[in-house]
Amino acid sequence: MKINAPSFGLAAAATCCVMYSAFALILKYWPAQTLKFIGTIHMLPKLDYIKSFIKVTPQAIVMGIVTHTAIAFLIFCFIAIIYNQIESIFKK
């Protein structure tokens, strides 16, 4: 089965954009609860100490969305291209 690389990359980029936006807004409005939740999930020590160092600005959110979306698109396009190449090798 051949994967359409640009479509696969676009789907991954859209998913990454939505997830990053949601997590950035949650971190912006509820930083203490978010850090406590992340610490609980990953069994980390208390992350409340770094709360004062985290500055979530609108510029940081937009820049993160743009960069993560572009990188996700590129990575998943390359994954689809590599998959298609490997499939064509073994299909013969």
PDB file of N, CA and C in Angstrom:
ATOM      1  N   MET A   1       0.847  -1.165   0.000  1.00  0.00           N
ATOM      2  CA  MET A   1       0.000   0.000   0.000  1.00  0.00           C
ATOM      3  C   MET A   1       0.901   1.240   0.000  1.00  0.00           C
ATOM      4  N   LYS A   2       0.709   2.079  -0.968  1.00  0.00           N
ATOM      5  CA  LYS A   2       1.500   3.298  -1.071  1.00  0.00           C
ATOM      6  C   LYS A   2       0.817   4.428  -0.296  1.00  0.00           C
ATOM      7  N   ILE A   3       1.640   5.183   0.430  1.00  0.00           N
ATOM      8  CA  ILE A   3       1.133   6.311   1.218  1.00  0.00           C
ATOM      9  C   ILE A   3       1.413   7.599   0.453  1.00  0.00           C
ATOM     10  N   ASN A   4       0.422   8.453   0.348  1.00  0.00           N
ATOM     11  CA  ASN A   4       0.604   9.755  -0.268  1.00  0.00           C
ATOM     12  C   ASN A   4       1.333  10.646   0.753  1.00  0.00           C
ATOM     13  N   ALA A   5       2.597  10.929   0.488  1.00  0.00           N
ATOM     14  CA  ALA A   5       3.457  11.611   1.468  1.00  0.00           C
ATOM     15  C   ALA A   5       2.943  13.001   1.870  1.00  0.00           C
ATOM     16  N   PRO A   6       2.567  13.876   0.922  1.00  0.00           N
ATOM     17  CA  PRO A   6       2.083  15.196   1.349  1.00  0.00           C
ATOM     18  C   PRO A   6       0.793  15.131   2.181  1.00  0.00           C
ATOM     19  N   SER A   7      -0.098  14.228   1.838  1.00  0.00           N
ATOM     20  CA  SER A   7      -1.343  14.104   2.612  1.00  0.00           C
ATOM     21  C   SER A   7      -1.066  13.569   4.012  1.00  0.00           C
ATOM     22  N   PHE A   8      -0.161  12.600   4.092  1.00  0.00           N
ATOM     23  CA  PHE A   8       0.219  12.037   5.387  1.00  0.00           C
ATOM     24  C   PHE A   8       0.879  13.107   6.257  1.00  0.00           C
ATOM     25  N   GLY A   9       1.769  13.881   5.658  1.00  0.00           N
ATOM     26  CA  GLY A   9       2.436  14.962   6.380  1.00  0.00           C
ATOM     27  C   GLY A   9       1.464  16.045   6.817  1.00  0.00           C
ATOM     28  N   LEU A  10       0.516  16.378   5.958  1.00  0.00           N
ATOM     29  CA  LEU A  10      -0.480  17.398   6.296  1.00  0.00           C
ATOM     30  C   LEU A  10      -1.384  16.951   7.435  1.00  0.00           C
ATOM     31  N   ALA A  11      -1.776  15.678   7.422  1.00  0.00           N
ATOM     32  CA  ALA A  11      -2.608  15.156   8.513  1.00  0.00           C
ATOM     33  C   ALA A  11      -1.846  15.189   9.835  1.00  0.00           C
ATOM     34  N   ALA A  12      -0.587  14.804   9.803  1.00  0.00           N
ATOM     35  CA  ALA A  12       0.227  14.839  11.026  1.00  0.00           C
ATOM     36  C   ALA A  12       0.442  16.275  11.496  1.00  0.00           C
ATOM     37  N   ALA A  13       0.679  17.190  10.568  1.00  0.00           N
ATOM     38  CA  ALA A  13       0.898  18.592  10.927  1.00  0.00           C
ATOM     39  C   ALA A  13      -0.362  19.209  11.530  1.00  0.00           C
ATOM     40  N   ALA A  14      -1.510  18.880  10.975  1.00  0.00           N
ATOM     41  CA  ALA A  14      -2.769  19.407  11.518  1.00  0.00           C
ATOM     42  C   ALA A  14      -3.023  18.872  12.928  1.00  0.00           C
ATOM     43  N   THR A  15      -2.747  17.596  13.127  1.00  0.00           N
ATOM     44  CA  THR A  15      -2.902  17.007  14.457  1.00  0.00           C
ATOM     45  C   THR A  15      -1.955  17.655  15.449  1.00  0.00           C
ATOM     46  N   CYS A  16      -0.714  17.853  15.035  1.00  0.00           N
ATOM     47  CA  CYS A  16       0.281  18.493  15.896  1.00  0.00           C
ATOM     48  C   CYS A  16      -0.133  19.924  16.236  1.00  0.00           C
ATOM     49  N   CYS A  17      -0.665  20.637  15.274  1.00  0.00           N
ATOM     50  CA  CYS A  17      -1.094  22.019  15.484  1.00  0.00           C
ATOM     51  C   CYS A  17      -2.215  22.090  16.517  1.00  0.00           C
ATOM     52  N   VAL A  18      -3.190  21.230  16.393  1.00  0.00           N
ATOM     53  CA  VAL A  18      -4.316  21.228  17.328  1.00  0.00           C
ATOM     54  C   VAL A  18      -3.854  20.841  18.731  1.00  0.00           C
ATOM     55  N   MET A  19      -3.018  19.803  18.827  1.00  0.00           N
ATOM     56  CA  MET A  19      -2.537  19.354  20.135  1.00  0.00           C
ATOM     57  C   MET A  19      -1.667  20.426  20.794  1.00  0.00           C
ATOM     58  N   TYR A  20      -0.756  21.030  20.035  1.00  0.00           N
ATOM     59  CA  TYR A  20       0.123  22.055  20.594  1.00  0.00           C
ATOM     60  C   TYR A  20      -0.692  23.256  21.060  1.00  0.00           C
ATOM     61  N   SER A  21      -1.674  23.651  20.266  1.00  0.00           N
ATOM     62  CA  SER A  21      -2.524  24.787  20.649  1.00  0.00           C
ATOM     63  C   SER A  21      -3.266  24.511  21.946  1.00  0.00           C
ATOM     64  N   ALA A  22      -3.840  23.320  22.050  1.00  0.00           N
ATOM     65  CA  ALA A  22      -4.586  22.970  23.261  1.00  0.00           C
ATOM     66  C   ALA A  22      -3.674  22.958  24.484  1.00  0.00           C
ATOM     67  N   PHE A  23      -2.526  22.320  24.365  1.00  0.00           N
ATOM     68  CA  PHE A  23      -1.622  22.240  25.510  1.00  0.00           C
ATOM     69  C   PHE A  23      -1.039  23.604  25.871  1.00  0.00           C
ATOM     70  N   ALA A  24      -0.766  24.442  24.880  1.00  0.00           N
ATOM     71  CA  ALA A  24      -0.230  25.773  25.164  1.00  0.00           C
ATOM     72  C   ALA A  24      -1.258  26.627  25.900  1.00  0.00           C
ATOM     73  N   LEU A  25      -2.511  26.556  25.482  1.00  0.00           N
ATOM     74  CA  LEU A  25      -3.551  27.332  26.162  1.00  0.00           C
ATOM     75  C   LEU A  25      -3.803  26.823  27.580  1.00  0.00           C
ATOM     76  N   ILE A  26      -3.759  25.507  27.741  1.00  0.00           N
ATOM     77  CA  ILE A  26      -3.931  24.950  29.083  1.00  0.00           C
ATOM     78  C   ILE A  26      -2.788  25.404  29.984  1.00  0.00           C
ATOM     79  N   LEU A  27      -1.550  25.370  29.467  1.00  0.00           N
ATOM     80  CA  LEU A  27      -0.395  25.804  30.261  1.00  0.00           C
ATOM     81  C   LEU A  27      -0.461  27.301  30.562  1.00  0.00           C
ATOM     82  N   LYS A  28      -0.991  28.080  29.628  1.00  0.00           N
ATOM     83  CA  LYS A  28      -1.078  29.527  29.849  1.00  0.00           C
ATOM     84  C   LYS A  28      -2.061  29.882  30.957  1.00  0.00           C
ATOM     85  N   TYR A  29      -3.220  29.238  30.958  1.00  0.00           N
ATOM     86  CA  TYR A  29      -4.264  29.619  31.893  1.00  0.00           C
ATOM     87  C   TYR A  29      -4.229  28.869  33.222  1.00  0.00           C
ATOM     88  N   TRP A  30      -3.662  27.661  33.239  1.00  0.00           N
ATOM     89  CA  TRP A  30      -3.577  26.878  34.471  1.00  0.00           C
ATOM     90  C   TRP A  30      -2.172  26.282  34.627  1.00  0.00           C
ATOM     91  N   PRO A  31      -1.155  27.120  34.828  1.00  0.00           N
ATOM     92  CA  PRO A  31       0.216  26.605  34.865  1.00  0.00           C
ATOM     93  C   PRO A  31       0.492  25.667  36.043  1.00  0.00           C
ATOM     94  N   ALA A  32      -0.002  25.987  37.214  1.00  0.00           N
ATOM     95  CA  ALA A  32       0.285  25.149  38.388  1.00  0.00           C
ATOM     96  C   ALA A  32      -0.342  23.767  38.251  1.00  0.00           C
ATOM     97  N   GLN A  33      -1.601  23.731  37.839  1.00  0.00           N
ATOM     98  CA  GLN A  33      -2.287  22.453  37.697  1.00  0.00           C
ATOM     99  C   GLN A  33      -1.676  21.632  36.557  1.00  0.00           C
ATOM    100  N   THR A  34      -1.286  22.297  35.480  1.00  0.00           N
ATOM    101  CA  THR A  34      -0.692  21.592  34.347  1.00  0.00           C
ATOM    102  C   THR A  34       0.643  20.980  34.734  1.00  0.00           C
ATOM    103  N   LEU A  35       1.490  21.737  35.413  1.00  0.00           N
ATOM    104  CA  LEU A  35       2.782  21.207  35.828  1.00  0.00           C
ATOM    105  C   LEU A  35       2.619  20.076  36.840  1.00  0.00           C
ATOM    106  N   LYS A  36       1.645  20.197  37.716  1.00  0.00           N
ATOM    107  CA  LYS A  36       1.381  19.123  38.677  1.00  0.00           C
ATOM    108  C   LYS A  36       0.925  17.860  37.950  1.00  0.00           C
ATOM    109  N   PHE A  37       0.073  18.018  36.946  1.00  0.00           N
ATOM    110  CA  PHE A  37      -0.415  16.887  36.159  1.00  0.00           C
ATOM    111  C   PHE A  37       0.722  16.221  35.387  1.00  0.00           C
ATOM    112  N   ILE A  38       1.578  17.034  34.745  1.00  0.00           N
ATOM    113  CA  ILE A  38       2.713  16.485  33.997  1.00  0.00           C
ATOM    114  C   ILE A  38       3.659  15.757  34.942  1.00  0.00           C
ATOM    115  N   GLY A  39       3.910  16.336  36.096  1.00  0.00           N
ATOM    116  CA  GLY A  39       4.768  15.685  37.074  1.00  0.00           C
ATOM    117  C   GLY A  39       4.199  14.365  37.562  1.00  0.00           C
ATOM    118  N   THR A  40       2.885  14.309  37.726  1.00  0.00           N
ATOM    119  CA  THR A  40       2.240  13.077  38.163  1.00  0.00           C
ATOM    120  C   THR A  40       2.317  12.006  37.084  1.00  0.00           C
ATOM    121  N   ILE A  41       2.078  12.384  35.854  1.00  0.00           N
ATOM    122  CA  ILE A  41       2.099  11.411  34.765  1.00  0.00           C
ATOM    123  C   ILE A  41       3.498  10.825  34.571  1.00  0.00           C
ATOM    124  N   HIS A  42       4.488  11.673  34.587  1.00  0.00           N
ATOM    125  CA  HIS A  42       5.853  11.229  34.301  1.00  0.00           C
ATOM    126  C   HIS A  42       6.652  10.877  35.552  1.00  0.00           C
ATOM    127  N   MET A  43       6.001  10.838  36.708  1.00  0.00           N
ATOM    128  CA  MET A  43       6.629  10.507  37.986  1.00  0.00           C
ATOM    129  C   MET A  43       7.860  11.369  38.250  1.00  0.00           C
ATOM    130  N   LEU A  44       7.711  12.646  38.001  1.00  0.00           N
ATOM    131  CA  LEU A  44       8.786  13.600  38.243  1.00  0.00           C
ATOM    132  C   LEU A  44       8.635  14.218  39.619  1.00  0.00           C
ATOM    133  N   PRO A  45       9.711  14.792  40.133  1.00  0.00           N
ATOM    134  CA  PRO A  45       9.564  15.524  41.396  1.00  0.00           C
ATOM    135  C   PRO A  45       8.675  16.750  41.180  1.00  0.00           C
ATOM    136  N   LYS A  46       8.433  17.468  42.209  1.00  0.00           N
ATOM    137  CA  LYS A  46       7.534  18.624  42.122  1.00  0.00           C
ATOM    138  C   LYS A  46       8.057  19.624  41.093  1.00  0.00           C
ATOM    139  N   LEU A  47       7.201  19.965  40.161  1.00  0.00           N
ATOM    140  CA  LEU A  47       7.560  20.933  39.129  1.00  0.00           C
ATOM    141  C   LEU A  47       7.080  22.336  39.476  1.00  0.00           C
ATOM    142  N   ASP A  48       6.519  22.488  40.642  1.00  0.00           N
ATOM    143  CA  ASP A  48       6.034  23.809  41.050  1.00  0.00           C
ATOM    144  C   ASP A  48       7.167  24.822  41.169  1.00  0.00           C
ATOM    145  N   TYR A  49       8.385  24.322  41.372  1.00  0.00           N
ATOM    146  CA  TYR A  49       9.528  25.222  41.515  1.00  0.00           C
ATOM    147  C   TYR A  49       9.840  25.974  40.223  1.00  0.00           C
ATOM    148  N   ILE A  50       9.518  25.381  39.069  1.00  0.00           N
ATOM    149  CA  ILE A  50       9.840  26.042  37.803  1.00  0.00           C
ATOM    150  C   ILE A  50       8.687  26.882  37.269  1.00  0.00           C
ATOM    151  N   LYS A  51       7.573  26.902  37.995  1.00  0.00           N
ATOM    152  CA  LYS A  51       6.404  27.647  37.529  1.00  0.00           C
ATOM    153  C   LYS A  51       6.718  29.126  37.318  1.00  0.00           C
ATOM    154  N   SER A  52       7.535  29.685  38.167  1.00  0.00           N
ATOM    155  CA  SER A  52       7.839  31.113  38.043  1.00  0.00           C
ATOM    156  C   SER A  52       8.734  31.419  36.840  1.00  0.00           C
ATOM    157  N   PHE A  53       9.415  30.411  36.307  1.00  0.00           N
ATOM    158  CA  PHE A  53      10.301  30.624  35.162  1.00  0.00           C
ATOM    159  C   PHE A  53       9.583  30.468  33.832  1.00  0.00           C
ATOM    160  N   ILE A  54       8.391  29.909  33.828  1.00  0.00           N
ATOM    161  CA  ILE A  54       7.662  29.669  32.585  1.00  0.00           C
ATOM    162  C   ILE A  54       6.852  30.904  32.229  1.00  0.00           C
ATOM    163  N   LYS A  55       7.153  31.471  31.100  1.00  0.00           N
ATOM    164  CA  LYS A  55       6.411  32.629  30.595  1.00  0.00           C
ATOM    165  C   LYS A  55       5.765  32.219  29.263  1.00  0.00           C
ATOM    166  N   VAL A  56       4.478  32.034  29.283  1.00  0.00           N
ATOM    167  CA  VAL A  56       3.756  31.652  28.071  1.00  0.00           C
ATOM    168  C   VAL A  56       3.129  32.911  27.499  1.00  0.00           C
ATOM    169  N   THR A  57       3.730  33.414  26.418  1.00  0.00           N
ATOM    170  CA  THR A  57       3.236  34.623  25.767  1.00  0.00           C
ATOM    171  C   THR A  57       2.536  34.242  24.469  1.00  0.00           C
ATOM    172  N   PRO A  58       1.699  35.117  23.939  1.00  0.00           N
ATOM    173  CA  PRO A  58       1.067  34.820  22.650  1.00  0.00           C
ATOM    174  C   PRO A  58       2.093  34.598  21.529  1.00  0.00           C
ATOM    175  N   GLN A  59       3.200  35.336  21.574  1.00  0.00           N
ATOM    176  CA  GLN A  59       4.242  35.157  20.556  1.00  0.00           C
ATOM    177  C   GLN A  59       4.859  33.766  20.664  1.00  0.00           C
ATOM    178  N   ALA A  60       5.078  33.299  21.882  1.00  0.00           N
ATOM    179  CA  ALA A  60       5.646  31.962  22.075  1.00  0.00           C
ATOM    180  C   ALA A  60       4.685  30.881  21.597  1.00  0.00           C
ATOM    181  N   ILE A  61       3.406  31.085  21.834  1.00  0.00           N
ATOM    182  CA  ILE A  61       2.407  30.106  21.382  1.00  0.00           C
ATOM    183  C   ILE A  61       2.381  30.040  19.864  1.00  0.00           C
ATOM    184  N   VAL A  62       2.328  31.199  19.204  1.00  0.00           N
ATOM    185  CA  VAL A  62       2.273  31.223  17.741  1.00  0.00           C
ATOM    186  C   VAL A  62       3.554  30.640  17.138  1.00  0.00           C
ATOM    187  N   MET A  63       4.698  31.024  17.679  1.00  0.00           N
ATOM    188  CA  MET A  63       5.965  30.512  17.158  1.00  0.00           C
ATOM    189  C   MET A  63       6.063  29.005  17.349  1.00  0.00           C
ATOM    190  N   GLY A  64       5.615  28.512  18.492  1.00  0.00           N
ATOM    191  CA  GLY A  64       5.623  27.072  18.732  1.00  0.00           C
ATOM    192  C   GLY A  64       4.703  26.330  17.790  1.00  0.00           C
ATOM    193  N   ILE A  65       3.531  26.900  17.540  1.00  0.00           N
ATOM    194  CA  ILE A  65       2.592  26.265  16.615  1.00  0.00           C
ATOM    195  C   ILE A  65       3.203  26.189  15.222  1.00  0.00           C
ATOM    196  N   VAL A  66       3.784  27.286  14.756  1.00  0.00           N
ATOM    197  CA  VAL A  66       4.352  27.321  13.403  1.00  0.00           C
ATOM    198  C   VAL A  66       5.513  26.337  13.275  1.00  0.00           C
ATOM    199  N   THR A  67       6.449  26.378  14.213  1.00  0.00           N
ATOM    200  CA  THR A  67       7.625  25.513  14.090  1.00  0.00           C
ATOM    201  C   THR A  67       7.269  24.043  14.259  1.00  0.00           C
ATOM    202  N   HIS A  68       6.439  23.714  15.234  1.00  0.00           N
ATOM    203  CA  HIS A  68       6.078  22.316  15.436  1.00  0.00           C
ATOM    204  C   HIS A  68       5.250  21.765  14.280  1.00  0.00           C
ATOM    205  N   THR A  69       4.393  22.591  13.705  1.00  0.00           N
ATOM    206  CA  THR A  69       3.593  22.151  12.561  1.00  0.00           C
ATOM    207  C   THR A  69       4.480  21.890  11.347  1.00  0.00           C
ATOM    208  N   ALA A  70       5.408  22.788  11.070  1.00  0.00           N
ATOM    209  CA  ALA A  70       6.302  22.615   9.929  1.00  0.00           C
ATOM    210  C   ALA A  70       7.201  21.402  10.109  1.00  0.00           C
ATOM    211  N   ILE A  71       7.741  21.230  11.307  1.00  0.00           N
ATOM    212  CA  ILE A  71       8.623  20.084  11.551  1.00  0.00           C
ATOM    213  C   ILE A  71       7.845  18.776  11.487  1.00  0.00           C
ATOM    214  N   ALA A  72       6.635  18.748  12.013  1.00  0.00           N
ATOM    215  CA  ALA A  72       5.814  17.539  11.936  1.00  0.00           C
ATOM    216  C   ALA A  72       5.509  17.198  10.485  1.00  0.00           C
ATOM    217  N   PHE A  73       5.206  18.210   9.678  1.00  0.00           N
ATOM    218  CA  PHE A  73       4.945  17.967   8.253  1.00  0.00           C
ATOM    219  C   PHE A  73       6.162  17.336   7.584  1.00  0.00           C
ATOM    220  N   LEU A  74       7.324  17.911   7.800  1.00  0.00           N
ATOM    221  CA  LEU A  74       8.539  17.390   7.167  1.00  0.00           C
ATOM    222  C   LEU A  74       8.877  15.977   7.636  1.00  0.00           C
ATOM    223  N   ILE A  75       8.808  15.756   8.934  1.00  0.00           N
ATOM    224  CA  ILE A  75       9.156  14.434   9.468  1.00  0.00           C
ATOM    225  C   ILE A  75       8.217  13.369   8.927  1.00  0.00           C
ATOM    226  N   PHE A  76       6.932  13.622   8.941  1.00  0.00           N
ATOM    227  CA  PHE A  76       5.992  12.601   8.492  1.00  0.00           C
ATOM    228  C   PHE A  76       5.993  12.434   6.974  1.00  0.00           C
ATOM    229  N   CYS A  77       6.340  13.477   6.236  1.00  0.00           N
ATOM    230  CA  CYS A  77       6.535  13.308   4.789  1.00  0.00           C
ATOM    231  C   CYS A  77       7.717  12.378   4.529  1.00  0.00           C
ATOM    232  N   PHE A  78       8.809  12.607   5.250  1.00  0.00           N
ATOM    233  CA  PHE A  78       9.978  11.741   5.081  1.00  0.00           C
ATOM    234  C   PHE A  78       9.687  10.310   5.508  1.00  0.00           C
ATOM    235  N   ILE A  79       8.918  10.136   6.566  1.00  0.00           N
ATOM    236  CA  ILE A  79       8.541   8.785   6.988  1.00  0.00           C
ATOM    237  C   ILE A  79       7.738   8.091   5.895  1.00  0.00           C
ATOM    238  N   ALA A  80       6.803   8.795   5.281  1.00  0.00           N
ATOM    239  CA  ALA A  80       5.997   8.211   4.207  1.00  0.00           C
ATOM    240  C   ALA A  80       6.863   7.890   2.988  1.00  0.00           C
ATOM    241  N   ILE A  81       7.797   8.771   2.660  1.00  0.00           N
ATOM    242  CA  ILE A  81       8.679   8.524   1.514  1.00  0.00           C
ATOM    243  C   ILE A  81       9.550   7.297   1.772  1.00  0.00           C
ATOM    244  N   ILE A  82      10.115   7.209   2.962  1.00  0.00           N
ATOM    245  CA  ILE A  82      10.945   6.052   3.295  1.00  0.00           C
ATOM    246  C   ILE A  82      10.113   4.776   3.289  1.00  0.00           C
ATOM    247  N   TYR A  83       8.914   4.841   3.838  1.00  0.00           N
ATOM    248  CA  TYR A  83       8.028   3.677   3.821  1.00  0.00           C
ATOM    249  C   TYR A  83       7.735   3.233   2.389  1.00  0.00           C
ATOM    250  N   ASN A  84       7.437   4.184   1.523  1.00  0.00           N
ATOM    251  CA  ASN A  84       7.143   3.848   0.130  1.00  0.00           C
ATOM    252  C   ASN A  84       8.355   3.227  -0.560  1.00  0.00           C
ATOM    253  N   GLN A  85       9.551   3.732  -0.259  1.00  0.00           N
ATOM    254  CA  GLN A  85      10.764   3.166  -0.862  1.00  0.00           C
ATOM    255  C   GLN A  85      10.997   1.741  -0.374  1.00  0.00           C
ATOM    256  N   ILE A  86      10.848   1.518   0.917  1.00  0.00           N
ATOM    257  CA  ILE A  86      11.040   0.170   1.466  1.00  0.00           C
ATOM    258  C   ILE A  86       9.989  -0.777   0.915  1.00  0.00           C
ATOM    259  N   GLU A  87       8.765  -0.307   0.782  1.00  0.00           N
ATOM    260  CA  GLU A  87       7.708  -1.159   0.236  1.00  0.00           C
ATOM    261  C   GLU A  87       7.991  -1.533  -1.213  1.00  0.00           C
ATOM    262  N   SER A  88       8.481  -0.580  -1.988  1.00  0.00           N
ATOM    263  CA  SER A  88       8.784  -0.891  -3.396  1.00  0.00           C
ATOM    264  C   SER A  88       9.947  -1.875  -3.523  1.00  0.00           C
ATOM    265  N   ILE A  89      10.883  -1.842  -2.588  1.00  0.00           N
ATOM    266  CA  ILE A  89      12.002  -2.785  -2.610  1.00  0.00           C
ATOM    267  C   ILE A  89      11.505  -4.209  -2.317  1.00  0.00           C
ATOM    268  N   PHE A  90      10.674  -4.363  -1.300  1.00  0.00           N
ATOM    269  CA  PHE A  90      10.201  -5.688  -0.906  1.00  0.00           C
ATOM    270  C   PHE A  90       9.039  -6.203  -1.742  1.00  0.00           C
ATOM    271  N   LYS A  91       8.424  -5.335  -2.516  1.00  0.00           N
ATOM    272  CA  LYS A  91       7.288  -5.744  -3.338  1.00  0.00           C
ATOM    273  C   LYS A  91       7.736  -6.522  -4.572  1.00  0.00           C
ATOM    274  N   LYS A  92       8.963  -6.300  -4.982  1.00  0.00           N
ATOM    275  CA  LYS A  92       9.475  -6.957  -6.198  1.00  0.00           C
ATOM    276  C   LYS A  92       9.581  -8.438  -6.086  1.00  0.00           C
TER     277      LYS A  92
END
